[in-house]
Amino acid sequence: MTGTEEVEEKKDDTEVDGEEKKDEECGAEEHKDKFNPSAYLDCFYKTASEDTAMQIVLFFLPGILYRLPEKVNTVLDLGAGPTVYLPIALRLRAQNIYTSDYAPANRETLISWCENRSSFDWSNVCTWIANIEASMETGKVMQEKTRQLMRAVLDVNVHESPVVQSVVWKENPSIEVPQKFQVVSTVFCLEYSCETLDAYFRAVRSACSLIEDGGFLIQGGVLGATTYNFGGKSFRCHCLKQSHIVESLKANGMATTAEQGYKFITHDDIFLLFSKKL
């Protein structure tokens, strides 16, 4: 998920009978049925340089990932939408990667990428990541390395228990999906899964419940957004404040000071954080 002032400028301004066509307003829970993966990817990820939020996340992500152990056993990308940039960025540290989303259409998009039959071209985003990493790997090599690490695609709901509702794809049938993960990453997800502060706290609690003791949370998102828009739809979301983030992490036994293992980076209301489970 994503959402910034830049996003709002991408509204469909097509005119109908001389009047500006308005985006269809959707609630957060309507992601399940109304989210269009192709429109989303084309709007925000076709060329990383077109979206400010994407630029900021990709620019700061290597510095966040550097705080992880050199080798990480299990990673869950929680609420990935139809995107794979986090697994790609984690390909040199992770040994087993699991990805997930709430919307069936997004899960199918993830499966198609895992099976190397995706219609979306991730090469521009890979080039952006490689440039920041100072890597000489091609996008094709980066994606193939990442695919070799993908173990399962999960159906998740951060407002239900259990969070992992089912396993919809496995690399092979013998794989057992862990109940907890060494790293949980969740970017442009938690505040976009809901519209109230109580629901946001519930979403954070769910995310943290999936982290092993001593494990790590990588979270990113947008401060102060109330909607995000693409493909003729406007999805409502919780208007997130930094105080909400700190309070929710404290309530779930996560680090909120540098001494404990916490880092918070923000630029133009886009944030990334790293927190250790105490």
Protein backbone atom coordinates (compact mmCIF):
# COMPACT_ATOMS: atom_id res chain seq x y z
CA MET A 1 0.00 0.00 0.00
CA THR A 2 1.09 3.62 -0.36
CA GLY A 3 -0.28 7.12 0.08
CA THR A 4 1.19 10.61 0.05
CA GLU A 5 0.43 14.07 -1.23
CA GLU A 6 2.20 12.89 -4.37
CA VAL A 7 -0.29 10.06 -4.58
CA GLU A 8 -3.23 12.38 -4.37
CA GLU A 9 -1.96 14.21 -7.44
CA LYS A 10 -2.40 10.96 -9.40
CA LYS A 11 -6.18 11.08 -9.20
CA ASP A 12 -8.06 10.38 -12.39
CA ASP A 13 -9.00 13.83 -13.64
CA THR A 14 -10.97 12.56 -16.62
CA GLU A 15 -13.90 14.80 -17.31
CA VAL A 16 -17.40 13.46 -17.89
CA ASP A 17 -19.91 15.87 -19.49
CA GLY A 18 -17.62 18.77 -18.62
CA GLU A 19 -17.29 17.77 -14.97
CA GLU A 20 -14.28 16.23 -13.32
CA LYS A 21 -14.77 12.52 -12.70
CA LYS A 22 -14.45 11.76 -8.98
CA ASP A 23 -12.65 8.73 -7.61
CA GLU A 24 -14.83 6.03 -6.09
CA GLU A 25 -14.48 6.30 -2.31
CA CYS A 26 -13.70 2.99 -0.62
CA GLY A 27 -13.32 1.91 2.98
CA ALA A 28 -10.16 0.20 4.18
CA GLU A 29 -11.95 -3.15 4.43
CA GLU A 30 -12.81 -2.94 0.72
CA HIS A 31 -9.22 -3.68 -0.28
CA LYS A 32 -10.27 -7.33 -0.34
CA ASP A 33 -12.62 -6.92 -3.28
CA LYS A 34 -11.82 -3.57 -4.90
CA PHE A 35 -8.01 -3.48 -4.99
CA ASN A 36 -6.67 -3.64 -8.55
CA PRO A 37 -3.06 -4.97 -8.50
CA SER A 38 -2.28 -4.01 -12.10
CA ALA A 39 -3.48 -0.42 -11.68
CA TYR A 40 -1.57 -0.10 -8.41
CA LEU A 41 1.70 -1.42 -9.83
CA ASP A 42 1.43 0.71 -12.96
CA CYS A 43 0.71 3.81 -10.87
CA PHE A 44 3.45 3.48 -8.26
CA TYR A 45 6.06 0.92 -9.31
CA LYS A 46 6.43 0.98 -13.08
CA THR A 47 9.21 3.52 -12.69
CA ALA A 48 10.44 4.02 -9.13
CA SER A 49 11.47 7.60 -9.85
CA GLU A 50 7.85 8.60 -10.53
CA ASP A 51 6.69 8.22 -6.93
CA THR A 52 8.23 10.16 -4.05
CA ALA A 53 7.19 7.61 -1.44
CA MET A 54 8.86 4.81 -3.38
CA GLN A 55 12.05 6.83 -3.78
CA ILE A 56 12.27 7.55 -0.08
CA VAL A 57 11.58 3.97 1.00
CA LEU A 58 14.10 2.49 -1.42
CA PHE A 59 16.71 5.09 -0.53
CA PHE A 60 16.56 4.46 3.23
CA LEU A 61 15.79 0.73 3.15
CA PRO A 62 19.42 -0.49 2.81
CA GLY A 63 20.37 1.42 5.95
CA ILE A 64 17.48 -0.19 7.84
CA LEU A 65 18.35 -3.68 6.57
CA TYR A 66 21.99 -3.15 7.59
CA ARG A 67 20.81 -3.34 11.22
CA LEU A 68 19.71 -6.93 10.76
CA PRO A 69 22.00 -9.90 11.50
CA GLU A 70 24.16 -10.88 8.54
CA LYS A 71 21.96 -13.95 8.01
CA VAL A 72 18.26 -14.02 8.82
CA ASN A 73 16.50 -17.38 8.95
CA THR A 74 12.86 -16.38 8.35
CA VAL A 75 11.26 -13.22 6.98
CA LEU A 76 7.56 -12.46 6.55
CA ASP A 77 6.53 -9.58 4.30
CA LEU A 78 3.19 -8.82 5.95
CA GLY A 79 0.59 -7.14 3.74
CA ALA A 80 2.87 -6.97 0.72
CA GLY A 81 0.06 -6.03 -1.63
CA PRO A 82 1.17 -7.11 -5.11
CA THR A 83 4.79 -6.01 -4.51
CA VAL A 84 8.09 -7.88 -4.19
CA TYR A 85 10.63 -5.09 -3.67
CA LEU A 86 11.14 -5.96 0.02
CA PRO A 87 12.04 -9.60 -0.65
CA ILE A 88 14.37 -8.42 -3.44
CA ALA A 89 16.07 -5.96 -1.07
CA LEU A 90 16.40 -8.77 1.51
CA ARG A 91 17.79 -11.37 -0.90
CA LEU A 92 21.38 -11.15 0.42
CA ARG A 93 20.45 -11.64 4.10
CA ALA A 94 17.34 -13.81 4.20
CA GLN A 95 17.40 -17.58 3.94
CA ASN A 96 13.64 -18.22 3.86
CA ILE A 97 11.13 -15.59 2.74
CA TYR A 98 7.35 -15.72 3.15
CA THR A 99 5.05 -13.12 1.64
CA SER A 100 1.38 -12.37 2.25
CA ASP A 101 -1.65 -10.20 1.68
CA TYR A 102 -5.32 -9.76 2.58
CA ALA A 103 -6.66 -9.37 -0.96
CA PRO A 104 -7.03 -12.49 -3.14
CA ALA A 105 -6.02 -10.58 -6.29
CA ASN A 106 -2.78 -9.47 -4.64
CA ARG A 107 -1.98 -13.00 -3.50
CA GLU A 108 -2.46 -14.28 -7.03
CA THR A 109 -0.11 -11.55 -8.29
CA LEU A 110 2.50 -12.64 -5.74
CA ILE A 111 2.12 -16.28 -6.76
CA SER A 112 2.54 -15.38 -10.44
CA TRP A 113 5.81 -13.61 -9.63
CA CYS A 114 7.07 -16.53 -7.51
CA GLU A 115 6.35 -18.85 -10.44
CA ASN A 116 8.09 -16.49 -12.90
CA ARG A 117 4.96 -15.80 -14.92
CA SER A 118 4.32 -12.23 -13.80
CA SER A 119 3.24 -9.72 -16.44
CA PHE A 120 4.69 -6.78 -14.51
CA ASP A 121 8.24 -5.64 -15.22
CA TRP A 122 10.19 -5.08 -11.99
CA SER A 123 13.44 -4.15 -13.78
CA ASN A 124 13.21 -0.42 -13.06
CA VAL A 125 12.73 -1.01 -9.32
CA CYS A 126 15.57 -3.57 -9.36
CA THR A 127 17.86 -1.03 -11.02
CA TRP A 128 16.95 1.52 -8.34
CA ILE A 129 17.75 -0.98 -5.58
CA ALA A 130 20.99 -2.08 -7.24
CA ASN A 131 22.17 1.52 -7.60
CA ILE A 132 21.59 2.21 -3.90
CA GLU A 133 23.34 -1.05 -2.98
CA ALA A 134 26.19 -0.31 -5.42
CA SER A 135 25.48 -3.79 -6.80
CA MET A 136 26.43 -4.94 -10.29
CA GLU A 137 23.63 -7.53 -10.39
CA THR A 138 21.06 -7.26 -13.15
CA GLY A 139 17.37 -7.12 -12.36
CA LYS A 140 16.95 -10.61 -13.78
CA VAL A 141 19.62 -12.02 -11.45
CA MET A 142 18.24 -10.14 -8.45
CA GLN A 143 14.76 -11.51 -9.04
CA GLU A 144 15.95 -15.06 -9.65
CA LYS A 145 17.99 -15.05 -6.43
CA THR A 146 14.91 -13.83 -4.58
CA ARG A 147 12.62 -16.44 -6.13
CA GLN A 148 14.96 -19.16 -4.87
CA LEU A 149 14.27 -17.92 -1.32
CA MET A 150 10.46 -17.70 -1.54
CA ARG A 151 8.79 -20.42 0.52
CA ALA A 152 5.08 -19.56 0.68
CA VAL A 153 2.34 -17.02 -0.01
CA LEU A 154 -0.05 -16.53 2.91
CA ASP A 155 -3.59 -15.23 3.33
CA VAL A 156 -3.39 -12.78 6.25
CA ASN A 157 -5.70 -10.46 8.15
CA VAL A 158 -4.19 -8.21 10.84
CA HIS A 159 -7.66 -7.69 12.33
CA GLU A 160 -8.41 -11.37 12.89
CA SER A 161 -6.96 -14.21 14.97
CA PRO A 162 -5.02 -16.07 13.80
CA VAL A 163 -3.38 -13.46 11.61
CA VAL A 164 -2.31 -16.12 9.12
CA GLN A 165 -5.64 -17.37 7.82
CA SER A 166 -4.28 -19.94 5.36
CA VAL A 167 -1.39 -20.93 3.11
CA VAL A 168 -2.33 -20.36 -0.53
CA TRP A 169 0.95 -21.35 -2.22
CA LYS A 170 4.06 -23.27 -1.20
CA GLU A 171 7.38 -23.74 -2.90
CA ASN A 172 6.87 -27.45 -2.20
CA PRO A 173 4.29 -29.40 -0.18
CA SER A 174 6.75 -30.42 2.55
CA ILE A 175 7.34 -26.86 3.74
CA GLU A 176 5.97 -26.03 7.18
CA VAL A 177 5.16 -22.36 7.65
CA PRO A 178 6.49 -21.12 11.01
CA GLN A 179 4.12 -19.54 13.51
CA LYS A 180 6.64 -16.78 14.24
CA PHE A 181 9.37 -15.18 12.14
CA GLN A 182 12.75 -13.69 12.89
CA VAL A 183 11.85 -10.60 10.85
CA VAL A 184 8.44 -9.17 9.99
CA SER A 185 8.44 -6.40 7.40
CA THR A 186 5.32 -4.37 6.74
CA VAL A 187 5.43 -1.23 4.59
CA PHE A 188 2.41 0.85 3.51
CA CYS A 189 0.14 -1.67 5.21
CA LEU A 190 -0.90 -1.28 8.85
CA GLU A 191 -2.37 2.23 8.75
CA TYR A 192 -3.98 1.44 5.40
CA SER A 193 -5.70 -1.67 6.75
CA CYS A 194 -7.95 0.43 9.00
CA GLU A 195 -9.54 3.80 9.68
CA THR A 196 -9.38 4.22 13.49
CA LEU A 197 -6.68 4.40 16.15
CA ASP A 198 -8.01 1.34 17.98
CA ALA A 199 -7.90 -0.66 14.76
CA TYR A 200 -4.35 0.54 14.08
CA PHE A 201 -3.27 -0.64 17.55
CA ARG A 202 -4.87 -4.00 16.78
CA ALA A 203 -2.98 -4.23 13.49
CA VAL A 204 0.35 -3.50 15.20
CA ARG A 205 -0.42 -6.06 17.90
CA SER A 206 -1.06 -8.63 15.19
CA ALA A 207 2.18 -7.83 13.38
CA CYS A 208 4.22 -8.02 16.58
CA SER A 209 2.60 -11.32 17.56
CA LEU A 210 4.28 -12.89 14.52
CA ILE A 211 7.81 -11.90 15.62
CA GLU A 212 10.09 -14.29 17.52
CA ASP A 213 11.49 -13.13 20.87
CA GLY A 214 14.59 -11.13 20.01
CA GLY A 215 13.36 -10.76 16.43
CA PHE A 216 12.83 -7.59 14.44
CA LEU A 217 10.11 -5.41 12.95
CA ILE A 218 10.68 -3.31 9.84
CA GLN A 219 7.75 -0.93 9.38
CA GLY A 220 7.15 1.86 6.93
CA GLY A 221 4.30 4.11 5.95
CA VAL A 222 2.95 7.63 5.75
CA LEU A 223 2.23 10.09 8.54
CA GLY A 224 -0.89 12.21 8.34
CA ALA A 225 -2.54 10.62 5.28
CA THR A 226 -6.30 10.05 5.29
CA THR A 227 -6.65 8.50 1.83
CA TYR A 228 -4.62 7.19 -1.06
CA ASN A 229 -5.71 7.14 -4.66
CA PHE A 230 -5.08 5.15 -7.82
CA GLY A 231 -7.02 3.59 -10.67
CA GLY A 232 -10.11 5.69 -10.07
CA LYS A 233 -10.48 4.65 -6.42
CA SER A 234 -9.77 6.48 -3.16
CA PHE A 235 -9.16 4.22 -0.14
CA ARG A 236 -9.65 5.68 3.33
CA CYS A 237 -7.04 4.99 6.01
CA HIS A 238 -6.07 5.83 9.59
CA CYS A 239 -4.42 9.24 9.96
CA LEU A 240 -1.21 8.07 11.58
CA LYS A 241 0.91 10.13 14.00
CA GLN A 242 4.38 9.31 15.27
CA SER A 243 3.01 9.14 18.81
CA HIS A 244 0.65 6.35 17.69
CA ILE A 245 3.63 4.38 16.40
CA VAL A 246 5.66 4.70 19.60
CA GLU A 247 2.69 3.93 21.86
CA SER A 248 1.74 0.82 19.87
CA LEU A 249 5.30 -0.51 19.84
CA LYS A 250 5.71 -0.02 23.59
CA ALA A 251 2.42 -1.82 24.23
CA ASN A 252 3.71 -4.86 22.34
CA GLY A 253 7.13 -5.23 23.92
CA MET A 254 9.07 -3.62 21.07
CA ALA A 255 12.08 -1.32 21.35
CA THR A 256 11.38 2.41 21.22
CA THR A 257 14.83 3.81 22.11
CA ALA A 258 18.16 3.59 20.33
CA GLU A 259 19.67 1.79 23.33
CA GLN A 260 17.04 -0.95 23.02
CA GLY A 261 17.42 -1.32 19.26
CA TYR A 262 15.13 1.26 17.67
CA LYS A 263 15.67 3.49 14.65
CA PHE A 264 13.14 5.88 13.15
CA ILE A 265 13.73 7.67 9.85
CA THR A 266 11.29 10.15 8.33
CA HIS A 267 11.34 12.41 5.27
CA ASP A 268 8.39 14.25 3.73
CA ASP A 269 6.03 12.37 6.09
CA ILE A 270 7.27 8.99 4.79
CA PHE A 271 8.78 6.89 7.57
CA LEU A 272 10.76 3.70 8.03
CA LEU A 273 11.54 2.15 11.39
CA PHE A 274 13.51 -0.73 12.81
CA SER A 275 12.57 -2.19 16.18
CA LYS A 276 13.69 -5.20 18.18
CA LYS A 277 11.32 -7.42 20.14
CA LEU A 278 12.48 -7.26 23.77
